Amino acid sequence: MIVLNVTYRCKPDMREPFLERIIAEGIDVACRAEAGNIRYDYYLPFDGGDELLLVEKWRDGDALKAHSEMPHMARLAALKPEYVTETVIERYEA
């Protein structure tokens, strides 16, 4: 299993609009429906701020590779410049 903690550092006051856009375009639902997806959940920090945490769990490297090639991931990449200043990815394998 592969776990990714993806931290999006958003532009000021753009965290909620970014998450709303992800949901409105169905990117989260599409990711959860992919073969090999175990978990795909967004979290907001308790203290506010401009960070958004995404926790992803994938069956294996093949599932994660296929995920990265999906059209909805290209759409997410196209949206990020409008909302995000930095993306930090932590990867863990179990």
PDB file of N, CA and C in Angstrom:
ATOM      1  N   MET A   1       0.847  -1.180   0.000  1.00  0.00           N
ATOM      2  CA  MET A   1       0.000   0.000   0.000  1.00  0.00           C
ATOM      3  C   MET A   1       0.887   1.236   0.000  1.00  0.00           C
ATOM      4  N   ILE A   2       0.455   2.244  -0.722  1.00  0.00           N
ATOM      5  CA  ILE A   2       1.167   3.527  -0.786  1.00  0.00           C
ATOM      6  C   ILE A   2       0.250   4.611  -0.235  1.00  0.00           C
ATOM      7  N   VAL A   3       0.793   5.403   0.679  1.00  0.00           N
ATOM      8  CA  VAL A   3       0.058   6.509   1.282  1.00  0.00           C
ATOM      9  C   VAL A   3       0.754   7.807   0.897  1.00  0.00           C
ATOM     10  N   LEU A   4      -0.036   8.758   0.421  1.00  0.00           N
ATOM     11  CA  LEU A   4       0.481  10.084   0.113  1.00  0.00           C
ATOM     12  C   LEU A   4      -0.219  11.107   0.998  1.00  0.00           C
ATOM     13  N   ASN A   5       0.569  11.949   1.631  1.00  0.00           N
ATOM     14  CA  ASN A   5       0.048  13.142   2.300  1.00  0.00           C
ATOM     15  C   ASN A   5       0.427  14.314   1.409  1.00  0.00           C
ATOM     16  N   VAL A   6      -0.569  14.924   0.804  1.00  0.00           N
ATOM     17  CA  VAL A   6      -0.343  16.024  -0.127  1.00  0.00           C
ATOM     18  C   VAL A   6      -0.816  17.311   0.549  1.00  0.00           C
ATOM     19  N   THR A   7       0.106  18.222   0.776  1.00  0.00           N
ATOM     20  CA  THR A   7      -0.241  19.504   1.371  1.00  0.00           C
ATOM     21  C   THR A   7      -0.217  20.566   0.290  1.00  0.00           C
ATOM     22  N   TYR A   8      -1.376  21.162   0.079  1.00  0.00           N
ATOM     23  CA  TYR A   8      -1.479  22.287  -0.848  1.00  0.00           C
ATOM     24  C   TYR A   8      -1.368  23.565  -0.031  1.00  0.00           C
ATOM     25  N   ARG A   9      -0.398  24.391  -0.339  1.00  0.00           N
ATOM     26  CA  ARG A   9      -0.281  25.709   0.279  1.00  0.00           C
ATOM     27  C   ARG A   9      -0.935  26.685  -0.688  1.00  0.00           C
ATOM     28  N   CYS A  10      -2.082  27.154  -0.283  1.00  0.00           N
ATOM     29  CA  CYS A  10      -2.915  27.967  -1.176  1.00  0.00           C
ATOM     30  C   CYS A  10      -2.599  29.450  -1.043  1.00  0.00           C
ATOM     31  N   LYS A  11      -2.939  30.173  -2.071  1.00  0.00           N
ATOM     32  CA  LYS A  11      -2.851  31.630  -2.035  1.00  0.00           C
ATOM     33  C   LYS A  11      -3.808  32.133  -0.959  1.00  0.00           C
ATOM     34  N   PRO A  12      -3.570  33.322  -0.415  1.00  0.00           N
ATOM     35  CA  PRO A  12      -4.445  33.829   0.646  1.00  0.00           C
ATOM     36  C   PRO A  12      -5.921  33.791   0.247  1.00  0.00           C
ATOM     37  N   ASP A  13      -6.715  33.239   1.142  1.00  0.00           N
ATOM     38  CA  ASP A  13      -8.167  33.142   0.991  1.00  0.00           C
ATOM     39  C   ASP A  13      -8.611  32.313  -0.217  1.00  0.00           C
ATOM     40  N   MET A  14      -7.747  31.436  -0.710  1.00  0.00           N
ATOM     41  CA  MET A  14      -8.098  30.618  -1.880  1.00  0.00           C
ATOM     42  C   MET A  14      -8.282  29.136  -1.538  1.00  0.00           C
ATOM     43  N   ARG A  15      -8.076  28.756  -0.275  1.00  0.00           N
ATOM     44  CA  ARG A  15      -8.210  27.350   0.098  1.00  0.00           C
ATOM     45  C   ARG A  15      -9.624  26.844  -0.128  1.00  0.00           C
ATOM     46  N   GLU A  16     -10.626  27.536   0.402  1.00  0.00           N
ATOM     47  CA  GLU A  16     -12.008  27.096   0.254  1.00  0.00           C
ATOM     48  C   GLU A  16     -12.461  27.121  -1.211  1.00  0.00           C
ATOM     49  N   PRO A  17     -12.154  28.192  -1.972  1.00  0.00           N
ATOM     50  CA  PRO A  17     -12.526  28.162  -3.395  1.00  0.00           C
ATOM     51  C   PRO A  17     -11.862  27.015  -4.160  1.00  0.00           C
ATOM     52  N   PHE A  18     -10.625  26.680  -3.808  1.00  0.00           N
ATOM     53  CA  PHE A  18      -9.936  25.566  -4.458  1.00  0.00           C
ATOM     54  C   PHE A  18     -10.657  24.253  -4.171  1.00  0.00           C
ATOM     55  N   LEU A  19     -10.962  24.010  -2.913  1.00  0.00           N
ATOM     56  CA  LEU A  19     -11.669  22.783  -2.548  1.00  0.00           C
ATOM     57  C   LEU A  19     -13.062  22.741  -3.186  1.00  0.00           C
ATOM     58  N   GLU A  20     -13.746  23.851  -3.183  1.00  0.00           N
ATOM     59  CA  GLU A  20     -15.070  23.903  -3.816  1.00  0.00           C
ATOM     60  C   GLU A  20     -14.985  23.579  -5.300  1.00  0.00           C
ATOM     61  N   ARG A  21     -13.951  24.055  -5.958  1.00  0.00           N
ATOM     62  CA  ARG A  21     -13.767  23.789  -7.391  1.00  0.00           C
ATOM     63  C   ARG A  21     -13.490  22.310  -7.635  1.00  0.00           C
ATOM     64  N   ILE A  22     -12.653  21.718  -6.792  1.00  0.00           N
ATOM     65  CA  ILE A  22     -12.362  20.282  -6.894  1.00  0.00           C
ATOM     66  C   ILE A  22     -13.651  19.476  -6.795  1.00  0.00           C
ATOM     67  N   ILE A  23     -14.478  19.832  -5.823  1.00  0.00           N
ATOM     68  CA  ILE A  23     -15.743  19.114  -5.607  1.00  0.00           C
ATOM     69  C   ILE A  23     -16.713  19.382  -6.753  1.00  0.00           C
ATOM     70  N   ALA A  24     -16.825  20.624  -7.176  1.00  0.00           N
ATOM     71  CA  ALA A  24     -17.756  20.983  -8.253  1.00  0.00           C
ATOM     72  C   ALA A  24     -17.427  20.261  -9.556  1.00  0.00           C
ATOM     73  N   GLU A  25     -16.143  20.055  -9.808  1.00  0.00           N
ATOM     74  CA  GLU A  25     -15.738  19.383 -11.042  1.00  0.00           C
ATOM     75  C   GLU A  25     -15.693  17.865 -10.898  1.00  0.00           C
ATOM     76  N   GLY A  26     -15.969  17.362  -9.689  1.00  0.00           N
ATOM     77  CA  GLY A  26     -16.020  15.919  -9.474  1.00  0.00           C
ATOM     78  C   GLY A  26     -14.664  15.238  -9.464  1.00  0.00           C
ATOM     79  N   ILE A  27     -13.608  15.997  -9.257  1.00  0.00           N
ATOM     80  CA  ILE A  27     -12.262  15.416  -9.255  1.00  0.00           C
ATOM     81  C   ILE A  27     -12.107  14.438  -8.098  1.00  0.00           C
ATOM     82  N   ASP A  28     -12.604  14.790  -6.932  1.00  0.00           N
ATOM     83  CA  ASP A  28     -12.506  13.903  -5.772  1.00  0.00           C
ATOM     84  C   ASP A  28     -13.264  12.597  -6.004  1.00  0.00           C
ATOM     85  N   VAL A  29     -14.450  12.683  -6.542  1.00  0.00           N
ATOM     86  CA  VAL A  29     -15.273  11.500  -6.797  1.00  0.00           C
ATOM     87  C   VAL A  29     -14.604  10.611  -7.849  1.00  0.00           C
ATOM     88  N   ALA A  30     -14.056  11.217  -8.891  1.00  0.00           N
ATOM     89  CA  ALA A  30     -13.381  10.453  -9.938  1.00  0.00           C
ATOM     90  C   ALA A  30     -12.169   9.712  -9.382  1.00  0.00           C
ATOM     91  N   CYS A  31     -11.428  10.350  -8.499  1.00  0.00           N
ATOM     92  CA  CYS A  31     -10.250   9.705  -7.906  1.00  0.00           C
ATOM     93  C   CYS A  31     -10.663   8.527  -7.027  1.00  0.00           C
ATOM     94  N   ARG A  32     -11.710   8.711  -6.243  1.00  0.00           N
ATOM     95  CA  ARG A  32     -12.173   7.625  -5.376  1.00  0.00           C
ATOM     96  C   ARG A  32     -12.680   6.423  -6.178  1.00  0.00           C
ATOM     97  N   ALA A  33     -13.147   6.663  -7.380  1.00  0.00           N
ATOM     98  CA  ALA A  33     -13.699   5.591  -8.220  1.00  0.00           C
ATOM     99  C   ALA A  33     -12.617   4.807  -8.968  1.00  0.00           C
ATOM    100  N   GLU A  34     -11.393   5.249  -8.928  1.00  0.00           N
ATOM    101  CA  GLU A  34     -10.327   4.588  -9.672  1.00  0.00           C
ATOM    102  C   GLU A  34      -9.999   3.222  -9.072  1.00  0.00           C
ATOM    103  N   ALA A  35      -9.624   2.301  -9.947  1.00  0.00           N
ATOM    104  CA  ALA A  35      -9.167   0.983  -9.501  1.00  0.00           C
ATOM    105  C   ALA A  35      -7.925   1.158  -8.640  1.00  0.00           C
ATOM    106  N   GLY A  36      -7.905   0.512  -7.501  1.00  0.00           N
ATOM    107  CA  GLY A  36      -6.747   0.570  -6.616  1.00  0.00           C
ATOM    108  C   GLY A  36      -6.781   1.686  -5.599  1.00  0.00           C
ATOM    109  N   ASN A  37      -7.812   2.529  -5.648  1.00  0.00           N
ATOM    110  CA  ASN A  37      -7.919   3.588  -4.646  1.00  0.00           C
ATOM    111  C   ASN A  37      -8.531   3.023  -3.374  1.00  0.00           C
ATOM    112  N   ILE A  38      -7.905   3.333  -2.259  1.00  0.00           N
ATOM    113  CA  ILE A  38      -8.400   2.910  -0.945  1.00  0.00           C
ATOM    114  C   ILE A  38      -8.974   4.102  -0.195  1.00  0.00           C
ATOM    115  N   ARG A  39      -8.335   5.248  -0.368  1.00  0.00           N
ATOM    116  CA  ARG A  39      -8.771   6.462   0.339  1.00  0.00           C
ATOM    117  C   ARG A  39      -8.331   7.689  -0.444  1.00  0.00           C
ATOM    118  N   TYR A  40      -9.199   8.713  -0.441  1.00  0.00           N
ATOM    119  CA  TYR A  40      -8.893   9.985  -1.090  1.00  0.00           C
ATOM    120  C   TYR A  40      -9.724  11.036  -0.376  1.00  0.00           C
ATOM    121  N   ASP A  41      -9.159  11.649   0.675  1.00  0.00           N
ATOM    122  CA  ASP A  41      -9.914  12.555   1.538  1.00  0.00           C
ATOM    123  C   ASP A  41      -9.145  13.840   1.796  1.00  0.00           C
ATOM    124  N   TYR A  42      -9.886  14.946   1.784  1.00  0.00           N
ATOM    125  CA  TYR A  42      -9.335  16.266   2.068  1.00  0.00           C
ATOM    126  C   TYR A  42      -9.619  16.655   3.513  1.00  0.00           C
ATOM    127  N   TYR A  43      -8.669  17.382   4.115  1.00  0.00           N
ATOM    128  CA  TYR A  43      -8.796  17.840   5.494  1.00  0.00           C
ATOM    129  C   TYR A  43      -8.391  19.306   5.589  1.00  0.00           C
ATOM    130  N   LEU A  44      -9.116  20.049   6.406  1.00  0.00           N
ATOM    131  CA  LEU A  44      -8.802  21.448   6.666  1.00  0.00           C
ATOM    132  C   LEU A  44      -8.154  21.547   8.035  1.00  0.00           C
ATOM    133  N   PRO A  45      -7.108  22.372   8.195  1.00  0.00           N
ATOM    134  CA  PRO A  45      -6.478  22.510   9.507  1.00  0.00           C
ATOM    135  C   PRO A  45      -7.423  23.187  10.497  1.00  0.00           C
ATOM    136  N   PHE A  46      -7.330  22.790  11.737  1.00  0.00           N
ATOM    137  CA  PHE A  46      -8.176  23.313  12.796  1.00  0.00           C
ATOM    138  C   PHE A  46      -8.016  24.817  12.970  1.00  0.00           C
ATOM    139  N   ASP A  47      -6.793  25.305  12.803  1.00  0.00           N
ATOM    140  CA  ASP A  47      -6.507  26.720  13.068  1.00  0.00           C
ATOM    141  C   ASP A  47      -6.690  27.617  11.852  1.00  0.00           C
ATOM    142  N   GLY A  48      -7.371  27.132  10.840  1.00  0.00           N
ATOM    143  CA  GLY A  48      -7.561  27.962   9.645  1.00  0.00           C
ATOM    144  C   GLY A  48      -6.350  27.903   8.756  1.00  0.00           C
ATOM    145  N   GLY A  49      -5.867  29.040   8.367  1.00  0.00           N
ATOM    146  CA  GLY A  49      -4.691  29.067   7.510  1.00  0.00           C
ATOM    147  C   GLY A  49      -5.059  28.821   6.062  1.00  0.00           C
ATOM    148  N   ASP A  50      -4.036  28.679   5.261  1.00  0.00           N
ATOM    149  CA  ASP A  50      -4.237  28.533   3.826  1.00  0.00           C
ATOM    150  C   ASP A  50      -3.776  27.179   3.305  1.00  0.00           C
ATOM    151  N   GLU A  51      -3.661  26.191   4.194  1.00  0.00           N
ATOM    152  CA  GLU A  51      -3.251  24.863   3.765  1.00  0.00           C
ATOM    153  C   GLU A  51      -4.448  23.932   3.645  1.00  0.00           C
ATOM    154  N   LEU A  52      -4.330  22.992   2.716  1.00  0.00           N
ATOM    155  CA  LEU A  52      -5.319  21.953   2.505  1.00  0.00           C
ATOM    156  C   LEU A  52      -4.554  20.641   2.447  1.00  0.00           C
ATOM    157  N   LEU A  53      -4.959  19.663   3.253  1.00  0.00           N
ATOM    158  CA  LEU A  53      -4.291  18.365   3.292  1.00  0.00           C
ATOM    159  C   LEU A  53      -5.138  17.336   2.568  1.00  0.00           C
ATOM    160  N   LEU A  54      -4.509  16.598   1.683  1.00  0.00           N
ATOM    161  CA  LEU A  54      -5.132  15.477   0.995  1.00  0.00           C
ATOM    162  C   LEU A  54      -4.409  14.214   1.427  1.00  0.00           C
ATOM    163  N   VAL A  55      -5.156  13.219   1.910  1.00  0.00           N
ATOM    164  CA  VAL A  55      -4.586  11.921   2.262  1.00  0.00           C
ATOM    165  C   VAL A  55      -5.083  10.919   1.228  1.00  0.00           C
ATOM    166  N   GLU A  56      -4.136  10.306   0.534  1.00  0.00           N
ATOM    167  CA  GLU A  56      -4.451   9.311  -0.491  1.00  0.00           C
ATOM    168  C   GLU A  56      -3.861   7.971  -0.085  1.00  0.00           C
ATOM    169  N   LYS A  57      -4.601   6.890  -0.329  1.00  0.00           N
ATOM    170  CA  LYS A  57      -4.073   5.543  -0.150  1.00  0.00           C
ATOM    171  C   LYS A  57      -4.354   4.759  -1.426  1.00  0.00           C
ATOM    172  N   TRP A  58      -3.311   4.078  -1.906  1.00  0.00           N
ATOM    173  CA  TRP A  58      -3.397   3.315  -3.147  1.00  0.00           C
ATOM    174  C   TRP A  58      -2.921   1.888  -2.915  1.00  0.00           C
ATOM    175  N   ARG A  59      -3.526   0.965  -3.618  1.00  0.00           N
ATOM    176  CA  ARG A  59      -3.208  -0.458  -3.482  1.00  0.00           C
ATOM    177  C   ARG A  59      -1.727  -0.723  -3.753  1.00  0.00           C
ATOM    178  N   ASP A  60      -1.200  -0.113  -4.829  1.00  0.00           N
ATOM    179  CA  ASP A  60       0.189  -0.370  -5.207  1.00  0.00           C
ATOM    180  C   ASP A  60       0.675   0.712  -6.179  1.00  0.00           C
ATOM    181  N   GLY A  61       1.923   0.569  -6.599  1.00  0.00           N
ATOM    182  CA  GLY A  61       2.522   1.542  -7.499  1.00  0.00           C
ATOM    183  C   GLY A  61       1.845   1.619  -8.858  1.00  0.00           C
ATOM    184  N   ASP A  62       1.334   0.497  -9.342  1.00  0.00           N
ATOM    185  CA  ASP A  62       0.645   0.504 -10.631  1.00  0.00           C
ATOM    186  C   ASP A  62      -0.632   1.344 -10.557  1.00  0.00           C
ATOM    187  N   ALA A  63      -1.372   1.199  -9.465  1.00  0.00           N
ATOM    188  CA  ALA A  63      -2.602   1.989  -9.295  1.00  0.00           C
ATOM    189  C   ALA A  63      -2.272   3.473  -9.192  1.00  0.00           C
ATOM    190  N   LEU A  64      -1.209   3.804  -8.473  1.00  0.00           N
ATOM    191  CA  LEU A  64      -0.806   5.204  -8.332  1.00  0.00           C
ATOM    192  C   LEU A  64      -0.346   5.778  -9.672  1.00  0.00           C
ATOM    193  N   LYS A  65       0.392   4.994 -10.443  1.00  0.00           N
ATOM    194  CA  LYS A  65       0.842   5.451 -11.761  1.00  0.00           C
ATOM    195  C   LYS A  65      -0.359   5.711 -12.671  1.00  0.00           C
ATOM    196  N   ALA A  66      -1.307   4.787 -12.680  1.00  0.00           N
ATOM    197  CA  ALA A  66      -2.506   4.968 -13.507  1.00  0.00           C
ATOM    198  C   ALA A  66      -3.260   6.223 -13.073  1.00  0.00           C
ATOM    199  N   HIS A  67      -3.331   6.451 -11.778  1.00  0.00           N
ATOM    200  CA  HIS A  67      -3.996   7.637 -11.229  1.00  0.00           C
ATOM    201  C   HIS A  67      -3.366   8.915 -11.785  1.00  0.00           C
ATOM    202  N   SER A  68      -2.055   8.950 -11.812  1.00  0.00           N
ATOM    203  CA  SER A  68      -1.364  10.163 -12.256  1.00  0.00           C
ATOM    204  C   SER A  68      -1.603  10.465 -13.735  1.00  0.00           C
ATOM    205  N   GLU A  69      -2.050   9.476 -14.489  1.00  0.00           N
ATOM    206  CA  GLU A  69      -2.273   9.649 -15.928  1.00  0.00           C
ATOM    207  C   GLU A  69      -3.739   9.904 -16.288  1.00  0.00           C
ATOM    208  N   MET A  70      -4.595  10.008 -15.286  1.00  0.00           N
ATOM    209  CA  MET A  70      -6.024  10.201 -15.531  1.00  0.00           C
ATOM    210  C   MET A  70      -6.316  11.641 -15.994  1.00  0.00           C
ATOM    211  N   PRO A  71      -7.333  11.814 -16.839  1.00  0.00           N
ATOM    212  CA  PRO A  71      -7.695  13.161 -17.309  1.00  0.00           C
ATOM    213  C   PRO A  71      -8.078  14.113 -16.176  1.00  0.00           C
ATOM    214  N   HIS A  72      -8.710  13.600 -15.121  1.00  0.00           N
ATOM    215  CA  HIS A  72      -9.087  14.492 -14.023  1.00  0.00           C
ATOM    216  C   HIS A  72      -7.862  14.981 -13.251  1.00  0.00           C
ATOM    217  N   MET A  73      -6.761  14.243 -13.313  1.00  0.00           N
ATOM    218  CA  MET A  73      -5.541  14.736 -12.676  1.00  0.00           C
ATOM    219  C   MET A  73      -4.905  15.839 -13.520  1.00  0.00           C
ATOM    220  N   ALA A  74      -5.026  15.735 -14.831  1.00  0.00           N
ATOM    221  CA  ALA A  74      -4.565  16.823 -15.696  1.00  0.00           C
ATOM    222  C   ALA A  74      -5.398  18.071 -15.431  1.00  0.00           C
ATOM    223  N   ARG A  75      -6.687  17.878 -15.195  1.00  0.00           N
ATOM    224  CA  ARG A  75      -7.560  19.015 -14.891  1.00  0.00           C
ATOM    225  C   ARG A  75      -7.152  19.660 -13.564  1.00  0.00           C
ATOM    226  N   LEU A  76      -6.851  18.849 -12.561  1.00  0.00           N
ATOM    227  CA  LEU A  76      -6.402  19.379 -11.276  1.00  0.00           C
ATOM    228  C   LEU A  76      -5.113  20.180 -11.456  1.00  0.00           C
ATOM    229  N   ALA A  77      -4.190  19.657 -12.230  1.00  0.00           N
ATOM    230  CA  ALA A  77      -2.934  20.366 -12.484  1.00  0.00           C
ATOM    231  C   ALA A  77      -3.184  21.713 -13.162  1.00  0.00           C
ATOM    232  N   ALA A  78      -4.175  21.759 -14.036  1.00  0.00           N
ATOM    233  CA  ALA A  78      -4.500  23.012 -14.723  1.00  0.00           C
ATOM    234  C   ALA A  78      -5.131  24.034 -13.781  1.00  0.00           C
ATOM    235  N   LEU A  79      -5.849  23.558 -12.767  1.00  0.00           N
ATOM    236  CA  LEU A  79      -6.493  24.453 -11.802  1.00  0.00           C
ATOM    237  C   LEU A  79      -5.518  25.031 -10.778  1.00  0.00           C
ATOM    238  N   LYS A  80      -4.515  24.266 -10.417  1.00  0.00           N
ATOM    239  CA  LYS A  80      -3.646  24.645  -9.310  1.00  0.00           C
ATOM    240  C   LYS A  80      -3.026  26.034  -9.414  1.00  0.00           C
ATOM    241  N   PRO A  81      -2.526  26.489 -10.555  1.00  0.00           N
ATOM    242  CA  PRO A  81      -1.898  27.819 -10.587  1.00  0.00           C
ATOM    243  C   PRO A  81      -2.815  28.953 -10.131  1.00  0.00           C
ATOM    244  N   GLU A  82      -4.104  28.770 -10.295  1.00  0.00           N
ATOM    245  CA  GLU A  82      -5.048  29.806  -9.871  1.00  0.00           C
ATOM    246  C   GLU A  82      -5.173  29.889  -8.348  1.00  0.00           C
ATOM    247  N   TYR A  83      -4.945  28.761  -7.663  1.00  0.00           N
ATOM    248  CA  TYR A  83      -5.233  28.670  -6.231  1.00  0.00           C
ATOM    249  C   TYR A  83      -4.026  28.344  -5.344  1.00  0.00           C
ATOM    250  N   VAL A  84      -3.038  27.657  -5.867  1.00  0.00           N
ATOM    251  CA  VAL A  84      -1.984  27.041  -5.046  1.00  0.00           C
ATOM    252  C   VAL A  84      -0.623  27.660  -5.341  1.00  0.00           C
ATOM    253  N   THR A  85       0.144  27.912  -4.261  1.00  0.00           N
ATOM    254  CA  THR A  85       1.505  28.419  -4.424  1.00  0.00           C
ATOM    255  C   THR A  85       2.544  27.306  -4.333  1.00  0.00           C
ATOM    256  N   GLU A  86       2.209  26.232  -3.594  1.00  0.00           N
ATOM    257  CA  GLU A  86       3.181  25.145  -3.396  1.00  0.00           C
ATOM    258  C   GLU A  86       2.434  23.857  -3.072  1.00  0.00           C
ATOM    259  N   THR A  87       2.965  22.751  -3.579  1.00  0.00           N
ATOM    260  CA  THR A  87       2.435  21.435  -3.261  1.00  0.00           C
ATOM    261  C   THR A  87       3.562  20.598  -2.679  1.00  0.00           C
ATOM    262  N   VAL A  88       3.338  20.056  -1.480  1.00  0.00           N
ATOM    263  CA  VAL A  88       4.338  19.227  -0.812  1.00  0.00           C
ATOM    264  C   VAL A  88       3.759  17.818  -0.692  1.00  0.00           C
ATOM    265  N   ILE A  89       4.503  16.826  -1.182  1.00  0.00           N
ATOM    266  CA  ILE A  89       4.031  15.446  -1.162  1.00  0.00           C
ATOM    267  C   ILE A  89       4.959  14.602  -0.302  1.00  0.00           C
ATOM    268  N   GLU A  90       4.349  13.916   0.677  1.00  0.00           N
ATOM    269  CA  GLU A  90       5.061  12.953   1.506  1.00  0.00           C
ATOM    270  C   GLU A  90       4.545  11.570   1.116  1.00  0.00           C
ATOM    271  N   ARG A  91       5.462  10.646   0.832  1.00  0.00           N
ATOM    272  CA  ARG A  91       5.068   9.310   0.384  1.00  0.00           C
ATOM    273  C   ARG A  91       5.544   8.258   1.390  1.00  0.00           C
ATOM    274  N   TYR A  92       4.641   7.343   1.715  1.00  0.00           N
ATOM    275  CA  TYR A  92       4.917   6.263   2.645  1.00  0.00           C
ATOM    276  C   TYR A  92       4.465   4.950   2.018  1.00  0.00           C
ATOM    277  N   GLU A  93       5.248   3.908   2.211  1.00  0.00           N
ATOM    278  CA  GLU A  93       4.860   2.596   1.702  1.00  0.00           C
ATOM    279  C   GLU A  93       4.756   1.624   2.856  1.00  0.00           C
ATOM    280  N   ALA A  94       3.696   0.830   2.809  1.00  0.00           N
ATOM    281  CA  ALA A  94       3.477  -0.146   3.887  1.00  0.00           C
ATOM    282  C   ALA A  94       3.432  -1.537   3.313  1.00  0.00           C
TER     283      ALA A  94
END
